[in-house]
Amino acid sequence: MNTVTIDVRELPGRLSELMLLAAEGAEVLVQDGGVTAKLVALAERKWILGMHPGSMVMREDFNDPMDEEKWMDG
């Protein structure tokens, strides 16, 4: 895997380039003194249904009819 390490002060001028590299699978590290952060492309993550049960709950009135006047223009 290709690794790119840059100083945080270079980030503003190279962000688009670095995001493309991350999307292609490169490891992009941003350093600021003794702190290192990793730029990760979220589009590459896969969501697994049921992985976090209970993290999203439907309201009890989810299937109730909607008030049309509230949503209509005019």
PDB file of N, CA and C in Angstrom:
ATOM      1  N   MET A   1       0.843  -1.179   0.000  1.00  0.00           N
ATOM      2  CA  MET A   1       0.000   0.000   0.000  1.00  0.00           C
ATOM      3  C   MET A   1       0.889   1.243   0.000  1.00  0.00           C
ATOM      4  N   ASN A   2       0.515   2.211  -0.806  1.00  0.00           N
ATOM      5  CA  ASN A   2       1.232   3.472  -0.905  1.00  0.00           C
ATOM      6  C   ASN A   2       0.911   4.344   0.315  1.00  0.00           C
ATOM      7  N   THR A   3       1.924   4.931   0.926  1.00  0.00           N
ATOM      8  CA  THR A   3       1.721   5.816   2.070  1.00  0.00           C
ATOM      9  C   THR A   3       2.223   7.212   1.738  1.00  0.00           C
ATOM     10  N   VAL A   4       1.387   8.220   2.027  1.00  0.00           N
ATOM     11  CA  VAL A   4       1.750   9.617   1.822  1.00  0.00           C
ATOM     12  C   VAL A   4       1.675  10.296   3.175  1.00  0.00           C
ATOM     13  N   THR A   5       2.751  10.956   3.575  1.00  0.00           N
ATOM     14  CA  THR A   5       2.782  11.678   4.851  1.00  0.00           C
ATOM     15  C   THR A   5       3.066  13.145   4.555  1.00  0.00           C
ATOM     16  N   ILE A   6       2.198  14.043   5.072  1.00  0.00           N
ATOM     17  CA  ILE A   6       2.402  15.474   4.843  1.00  0.00           C
ATOM     18  C   ILE A   6       2.274  16.232   6.156  1.00  0.00           C
ATOM     19  N   ASP A   7       2.802  17.425   6.165  1.00  0.00           N
ATOM     20  CA  ASP A   7       2.662  18.333   7.305  1.00  0.00           C
ATOM     21  C   ASP A   7       1.288  19.003   7.206  1.00  0.00           C
ATOM     22  N   VAL A   8       0.669  19.265   8.340  1.00  0.00           N
ATOM     23  CA  VAL A   8      -0.674  19.841   8.369  1.00  0.00           C
ATOM     24  C   VAL A   8      -0.750  21.167   7.610  1.00  0.00           C
ATOM     25  N   ARG A   9       0.335  21.911   7.543  1.00  0.00           N
ATOM     26  CA  ARG A   9       0.321  23.192   6.840  1.00  0.00           C
ATOM     27  C   ARG A   9       0.206  23.031   5.325  1.00  0.00           C
ATOM     28  N   GLU A  10       0.509  21.850   4.808  1.00  0.00           N
ATOM     29  CA  GLU A  10       0.362  21.572   3.378  1.00  0.00           C
ATOM     30  C   GLU A  10      -1.065  21.162   3.015  1.00  0.00           C
ATOM     31  N   LEU A  11      -1.854  20.807   4.004  1.00  0.00           N
ATOM     32  CA  LEU A  11      -3.174  20.233   3.774  1.00  0.00           C
ATOM     33  C   LEU A  11      -4.108  21.104   2.932  1.00  0.00           C
ATOM     34  N   PRO A  12      -4.264  22.391   3.221  1.00  0.00           N
ATOM     35  CA  PRO A  12      -5.232  23.176   2.442  1.00  0.00           C
ATOM     36  C   PRO A  12      -4.973  23.160   0.932  1.00  0.00           C
ATOM     37  N   GLY A  13      -3.720  23.224   0.523  1.00  0.00           N
ATOM     38  CA  GLY A  13      -3.409  23.254  -0.899  1.00  0.00           C
ATOM     39  C   GLY A  13      -3.450  21.904  -1.587  1.00  0.00           C
ATOM     40  N   ARG A  14      -3.489  20.818  -0.814  1.00  0.00           N
ATOM     41  CA  ARG A  14      -3.412  19.475  -1.401  1.00  0.00           C
ATOM     42  C   ARG A  14      -4.585  18.569  -1.037  1.00  0.00           C
ATOM     43  N   LEU A  15      -5.605  19.135  -0.396  1.00  0.00           N
ATOM     44  CA  LEU A  15      -6.695  18.306   0.123  1.00  0.00           C
ATOM     45  C   LEU A  15      -7.384  17.493  -0.969  1.00  0.00           C
ATOM     46  N   SER A  16      -7.711  18.096  -2.088  1.00  0.00           N
ATOM     47  CA  SER A  16      -8.388  17.354  -3.168  1.00  0.00           C
ATOM     48  C   SER A  16      -7.531  16.189  -3.645  1.00  0.00           C
ATOM     49  N   GLU A  17      -6.258  16.450  -3.854  1.00  0.00           N
ATOM     50  CA  GLU A  17      -5.323  15.403  -4.292  1.00  0.00           C
ATOM     51  C   GLU A  17      -5.254  14.269  -3.279  1.00  0.00           C
ATOM     52  N   LEU A  18      -5.164  14.624  -1.996  1.00  0.00           N
ATOM     53  CA  LEU A  18      -5.041  13.618  -0.945  1.00  0.00           C
ATOM     54  C   LEU A  18      -6.317  12.801  -0.780  1.00  0.00           C
ATOM     55  N   MET A  19      -7.468  13.442  -0.974  1.00  0.00           N
ATOM     56  CA  MET A  19      -8.730  12.711  -0.891  1.00  0.00           C
ATOM     57  C   MET A  19      -8.829  11.681  -2.014  1.00  0.00           C
ATOM     58  N   LEU A  20      -8.365  12.037  -3.202  1.00  0.00           N
ATOM     59  CA  LEU A  20      -8.354  11.080  -4.315  1.00  0.00           C
ATOM     60  C   LEU A  20      -7.425   9.914  -4.013  1.00  0.00           C
ATOM     61  N   LEU A  21      -6.259  10.209  -3.455  1.00  0.00           N
ATOM     62  CA  LEU A  21      -5.316   9.149  -3.104  1.00  0.00           C
ATOM     63  C   LEU A  21      -5.930   8.200  -2.068  1.00  0.00           C
ATOM     64  N   ALA A  22      -6.600   8.777  -1.061  1.00  0.00           N
ATOM     65  CA  ALA A  22      -7.236   7.955  -0.031  1.00  0.00           C
ATOM     66  C   ALA A  22      -8.334   7.086  -0.633  1.00  0.00           C
ATOM     67  N   ALA A  23      -9.100   7.649  -1.577  1.00  0.00           N
ATOM     68  CA  ALA A  23     -10.164   6.896  -2.229  1.00  0.00           C
ATOM     69  C   ALA A  23      -9.599   5.743  -3.056  1.00  0.00           C
ATOM     70  N   GLU A  24      -8.377   5.902  -3.552  1.00  0.00           N
ATOM     71  CA  GLU A  24      -7.721   4.856  -4.334  1.00  0.00           C
ATOM     72  C   GLU A  24      -7.038   3.817  -3.447  1.00  0.00           C
ATOM     73  N   GLY A  25      -7.074   4.024  -2.128  1.00  0.00           N
ATOM     74  CA  GLY A  25      -6.528   3.037  -1.207  1.00  0.00           C
ATOM     75  C   GLY A  25      -5.201   3.409  -0.570  1.00  0.00           C
ATOM     76  N   ALA A  26      -4.667   4.580  -0.893  1.00  0.00           N
ATOM     77  CA  ALA A  26      -3.401   5.005  -0.285  1.00  0.00           C
ATOM     78  C   ALA A  26      -3.629   5.363   1.183  1.00  0.00           C
ATOM     79  N   GLU A  27      -2.618   5.169   1.996  1.00  0.00           N
ATOM     80  CA  GLU A  27      -2.656   5.586   3.394  1.00  0.00           C
ATOM     81  C   GLU A  27      -2.159   7.022   3.430  1.00  0.00           C
ATOM     82  N   VAL A  28      -3.018   7.949   3.857  1.00  0.00           N
ATOM     83  CA  VAL A  28      -2.668   9.370   3.889  1.00  0.00           C
ATOM     84  C   VAL A  28      -2.567   9.801   5.351  1.00  0.00           C
ATOM     85  N   LEU A  29      -1.361  10.200   5.762  1.00  0.00           N
ATOM     86  CA  LEU A  29      -1.113  10.620   7.138  1.00  0.00           C
ATOM     87  C   LEU A  29      -0.816  12.110   7.163  1.00  0.00           C
ATOM     88  N   VAL A  30      -1.430  12.820   8.105  1.00  0.00           N
ATOM     89  CA  VAL A  30      -1.222  14.256   8.278  1.00  0.00           C
ATOM     90  C   VAL A  30      -0.584  14.451   9.642  1.00  0.00           C
ATOM     91  N   GLN A  31       0.584  15.112   9.660  1.00  0.00           N
ATOM     92  CA  GLN A  31       1.310  15.293  10.917  1.00  0.00           C
ATOM     93  C   GLN A  31       1.320  16.759  11.344  1.00  0.00           C
ATOM     94  N   ASP A  32       1.171  16.951  12.646  1.00  0.00           N
ATOM     95  CA  ASP A  32       1.257  18.278  13.261  1.00  0.00           C
ATOM     96  C   ASP A  32       2.039  18.106  14.557  1.00  0.00           C
ATOM     97  N   GLY A  33       3.310  18.364  14.475  1.00  0.00           N
ATOM     98  CA  GLY A  33       4.166  18.138  15.638  1.00  0.00           C
ATOM     99  C   GLY A  33       4.205  16.658  15.959  1.00  0.00           C
ATOM    100  N   GLY A  34       3.807  16.298  17.162  1.00  0.00           N
ATOM    101  CA  GLY A  34       3.827  14.905  17.572  1.00  0.00           C
ATOM    102  C   GLY A  34       2.508  14.179  17.343  1.00  0.00           C
ATOM    103  N   VAL A  35       1.562  14.835  16.683  1.00  0.00           N
ATOM    104  CA  VAL A  35       0.249  14.233  16.451  1.00  0.00           C
ATOM    105  C   VAL A  35       0.135  13.820  14.984  1.00  0.00           C
ATOM    106  N   THR A  36      -0.331  12.603  14.746  1.00  0.00           N
ATOM    107  CA  THR A  36      -0.542  12.120  13.390  1.00  0.00           C
ATOM    108  C   THR A  36      -2.003  11.712  13.239  1.00  0.00           C
ATOM    109  N   ALA A  37      -2.632  12.181  12.151  1.00  0.00           N
ATOM    110  CA  ALA A  37      -4.017  11.812  11.835  1.00  0.00           C
ATOM    111  C   ALA A  37      -4.026  11.087  10.496  1.00  0.00           C
ATOM    112  N   LYS A  38      -5.013  10.222  10.317  1.00  0.00           N
ATOM    113  CA  LYS A  38      -5.117   9.460   9.077  1.00  0.00           C
ATOM    114  C   LYS A  38      -6.359   9.900   8.318  1.00  0.00           C
ATOM    115  N   LEU A  39      -6.188  10.212   7.033  1.00  0.00           N
ATOM    116  CA  LEU A  39      -7.301  10.579   6.169  1.00  0.00           C
ATOM    117  C   LEU A  39      -7.869   9.299   5.572  1.00  0.00           C
ATOM    118  N   VAL A  40      -9.166   9.051   5.812  1.00  0.00           N
ATOM    119  CA  VAL A  40      -9.797   7.812   5.369  1.00  0.00           C
ATOM    120  C   VAL A  40     -10.966   8.146   4.461  1.00  0.00           C
ATOM    121  N   ALA A  41     -11.083   7.448   3.335  1.00  0.00           N
ATOM    122  CA  ALA A  41     -12.204   7.620   2.419  1.00  0.00           C
ATOM    123  C   ALA A  41     -13.400   6.835   2.943  1.00  0.00           C
ATOM    124  N   LEU A  42     -14.444   7.514   3.361  1.00  0.00           N
ATOM    125  CA  LEU A  42     -15.617   6.837   3.922  1.00  0.00           C
ATOM    126  C   LEU A  42     -16.399   6.077   2.873  1.00  0.00           C
ATOM    127  N   ALA A  43     -16.300   6.463   1.620  1.00  0.00           N
ATOM    128  CA  ALA A  43     -17.039   5.777   0.559  1.00  0.00           C
ATOM    129  C   ALA A  43     -16.607   4.321   0.441  1.00  0.00           C
ATOM    130  N   GLU A  44     -15.442   3.989   0.933  1.00  0.00           N
ATOM    131  CA  GLU A  44     -14.940   2.633   0.833  1.00  0.00           C
ATOM    132  C   GLU A  44     -15.465   1.733   1.942  1.00  0.00           C
ATOM    133  N   ARG A  45     -16.058   2.331   2.964  1.00  0.00           N
ATOM    134  CA  ARG A  45     -16.571   1.514   4.066  1.00  0.00           C
ATOM    135  C   ARG A  45     -17.870   0.845   3.664  1.00  0.00           C
ATOM    136  N   LYS A  46     -18.083  -0.350   4.126  1.00  0.00           N
ATOM    137  CA  LYS A  46     -19.308  -1.081   3.830  1.00  0.00           C
ATOM    138  C   LYS A  46     -20.163  -1.138   5.091  1.00  0.00           C
ATOM    139  N   TRP A  47     -21.430  -0.794   4.921  1.00  0.00           N
ATOM    140  CA  TRP A  47     -22.363  -0.831   6.041  1.00  0.00           C
ATOM    141  C   TRP A  47     -23.015  -2.204   6.092  1.00  0.00           C
ATOM    142  N   ILE A  48     -23.135  -2.737   7.270  1.00  0.00           N
ATOM    143  CA  ILE A  48     -23.719  -4.057   7.456  1.00  0.00           C
ATOM    144  C   ILE A  48     -25.018  -3.900   8.237  1.00  0.00           C
ATOM    145  N   LEU A  49     -26.121  -4.291   7.604  1.00  0.00           N
ATOM    146  CA  LEU A  49     -27.423  -4.183   8.234  1.00  0.00           C
ATOM    147  C   LEU A  49     -27.459  -5.018   9.514  1.00  0.00           C
ATOM    148  N   GLY A  50     -27.911  -4.415  10.589  1.00  0.00           N
ATOM    149  CA  GLY A  50     -28.027  -5.123  11.850  1.00  0.00           C
ATOM    150  C   GLY A  50     -26.769  -5.082  12.708  1.00  0.00           C
ATOM    151  N   MET A  51     -25.771  -4.334  12.266  1.00  0.00           N
ATOM    152  CA  MET A  51     -24.521  -4.300  13.010  1.00  0.00           C
ATOM    153  C   MET A  51     -24.657  -3.570  14.356  1.00  0.00           C
ATOM    154  N   HIS A  52     -25.540  -2.559  14.392  1.00  0.00           N
ATOM    155  CA  HIS A  52     -25.732  -1.781  15.617  1.00  0.00           C
ATOM    156  C   HIS A  52     -27.218  -1.766  15.982  1.00  0.00           C
ATOM    157  N   PRO A  53     -27.757  -2.883  16.436  1.00  0.00           N
ATOM    158  CA  PRO A  53     -29.184  -2.932  16.740  1.00  0.00           C
ATOM    159  C   PRO A  53     -29.566  -1.928  17.823  1.00  0.00           C
ATOM    160  N   GLY A  54     -30.714  -1.285  17.593  1.00  0.00           N
ATOM    161  CA  GLY A  54     -31.208  -0.306  18.554  1.00  0.00           C
ATOM    162  C   GLY A  54     -30.664   1.092  18.346  1.00  0.00           C
ATOM    163  N   SER A  55     -29.736   1.276  17.393  1.00  0.00           N
ATOM    164  CA  SER A  55     -29.169   2.602  17.192  1.00  0.00           C
ATOM    165  C   SER A  55     -30.120   3.515  16.420  1.00  0.00           C
ATOM    166  N   MET A  56     -31.104   2.935  15.749  1.00  0.00           N
ATOM    167  CA  MET A  56     -32.104   3.723  15.042  1.00  0.00           C
ATOM    168  C   MET A  56     -33.469   3.122  15.358  1.00  0.00           C
ATOM    169  N   VAL A  57     -34.386   3.976  15.771  1.00  0.00           N
ATOM    170  CA  VAL A  57     -35.708   3.508  16.177  1.00  0.00           C
ATOM    171  C   VAL A  57     -36.762   4.305  15.430  1.00  0.00           C
ATOM    172  N   MET A  58     -37.779   3.630  14.894  1.00  0.00           N
ATOM    173  CA  MET A  58     -38.887   4.305  14.210  1.00  0.00           C
ATOM    174  C   MET A  58     -39.838   4.880  15.253  1.00  0.00           C
ATOM    175  N   ARG A  59     -40.336   6.051  14.952  1.00  0.00           N
ATOM    176  CA  ARG A  59     -41.352   6.634  15.834  1.00  0.00           C
ATOM    177  C   ARG A  59     -42.635   5.820  15.731  1.00  0.00           C
ATOM    178  N   GLU A  60     -43.438   5.847  16.778  1.00  0.00           N
ATOM    179  CA  GLU A  60     -44.686   5.090  16.783  1.00  0.00           C
ATOM    180  C   GLU A  60     -45.651   5.582  15.721  1.00  0.00           C
ATOM    181  N   ASP A  61     -45.574   6.872  15.355  1.00  0.00           N
ATOM    182  CA  ASP A  61     -46.497   7.442  14.370  1.00  0.00           C
ATOM    183  C   ASP A  61     -45.931   7.401  12.943  1.00  0.00           C
ATOM    184  N   PHE A  62     -44.921   6.583  12.697  1.00  0.00           N
ATOM    185  CA  PHE A  62     -44.257   6.530  11.397  1.00  0.00           C
ATOM    186  C   PHE A  62     -45.228   6.270  10.249  1.00  0.00           C
ATOM    187  N   ASN A  63     -46.166   5.343  10.428  1.00  0.00           N
ATOM    188  CA  ASN A  63     -47.104   4.977   9.359  1.00  0.00           C
ATOM    189  C   ASN A  63     -48.400   5.784   9.371  1.00  0.00           C
ATOM    190  N   ASP A  64     -48.536   6.737  10.279  1.00  0.00           N
ATOM    191  CA  ASP A  64     -49.751   7.552  10.332  1.00  0.00           C
ATOM    192  C   ASP A  64     -49.818   8.461   9.105  1.00  0.00           C
ATOM    193  N   PRO A  65     -51.047   8.801   8.656  1.00  0.00           N
ATOM    194  CA  PRO A  65     -51.180   9.715   7.513  1.00  0.00           C
ATOM    195  C   PRO A  65     -50.549  11.072   7.835  1.00  0.00           C
ATOM    196  N   MET A  66     -49.984  11.705   6.794  1.00  0.00           N
ATOM    197  CA  MET A  66     -49.358  13.014   6.983  1.00  0.00           C
ATOM    198  C   MET A  66     -50.388  14.112   6.773  1.00  0.00           C
ATOM    199  N   ASP A  67     -50.188  15.235   7.431  1.00  0.00           N
ATOM    200  CA  ASP A  67     -51.040  16.402   7.270  1.00  0.00           C
ATOM    201  C   ASP A  67     -50.674  17.068   5.942  1.00  0.00           C
ATOM    202  N   GLU A  68     -51.544  16.915   4.913  1.00  0.00           N
ATOM    203  CA  GLU A  68     -51.224  17.419   3.581  1.00  0.00           C
ATOM    204  C   GLU A  68     -51.029  18.927   3.560  1.00  0.00           C
ATOM    205  N   GLU A  69     -51.790  19.683   4.335  1.00  0.00           N
ATOM    206  CA  GLU A  69     -51.670  21.147   4.339  1.00  0.00           C
ATOM    207  C   GLU A  69     -50.264  21.577   4.782  1.00  0.00           C
ATOM    208  N   LYS A  70     -49.690  20.802   5.655  1.00  0.00           N
ATOM    209  CA  LYS A  70     -48.362  21.126   6.153  1.00  0.00           C
ATOM    210  C   LYS A  70     -47.308  20.996   5.047  1.00  0.00           C
ATOM    211  N   TRP A  71     -47.514  20.089   4.089  1.00  0.00           N
ATOM    212  CA  TRP A  71     -46.508  19.786   3.076  1.00  0.00           C
ATOM    213  C   TRP A  71     -46.815  20.384   1.708  1.00  0.00           C
ATOM    214  N   MET A  72     -48.011  20.924   1.513  1.00  0.00           N
ATOM    215  CA  MET A  72     -48.380  21.484   0.211  1.00  0.00           C
ATOM    216  C   MET A  72     -47.968  22.956   0.137  1.00  0.00           C
ATOM    217  N   ASP A  73     -47.564  23.410  -1.042  1.00  0.00           N
ATOM    218  CA  ASP A  73     -47.229  24.830  -1.254  1.00  0.00           C
ATOM    219  C   ASP A  73     -48.504  25.646  -1.269  1.00  0.00           C
ATOM    220  N   GLY A  74     -48.406  26.831  -0.744  1.00  0.00           N
ATOM    221  CA  GLY A  74     -49.527  27.730  -0.880  1.00  0.00           C
ATOM    222  C   GLY A  74     -50.181  28.040   0.352  1.00  0.00           C
TER     223      GLY A  74
END
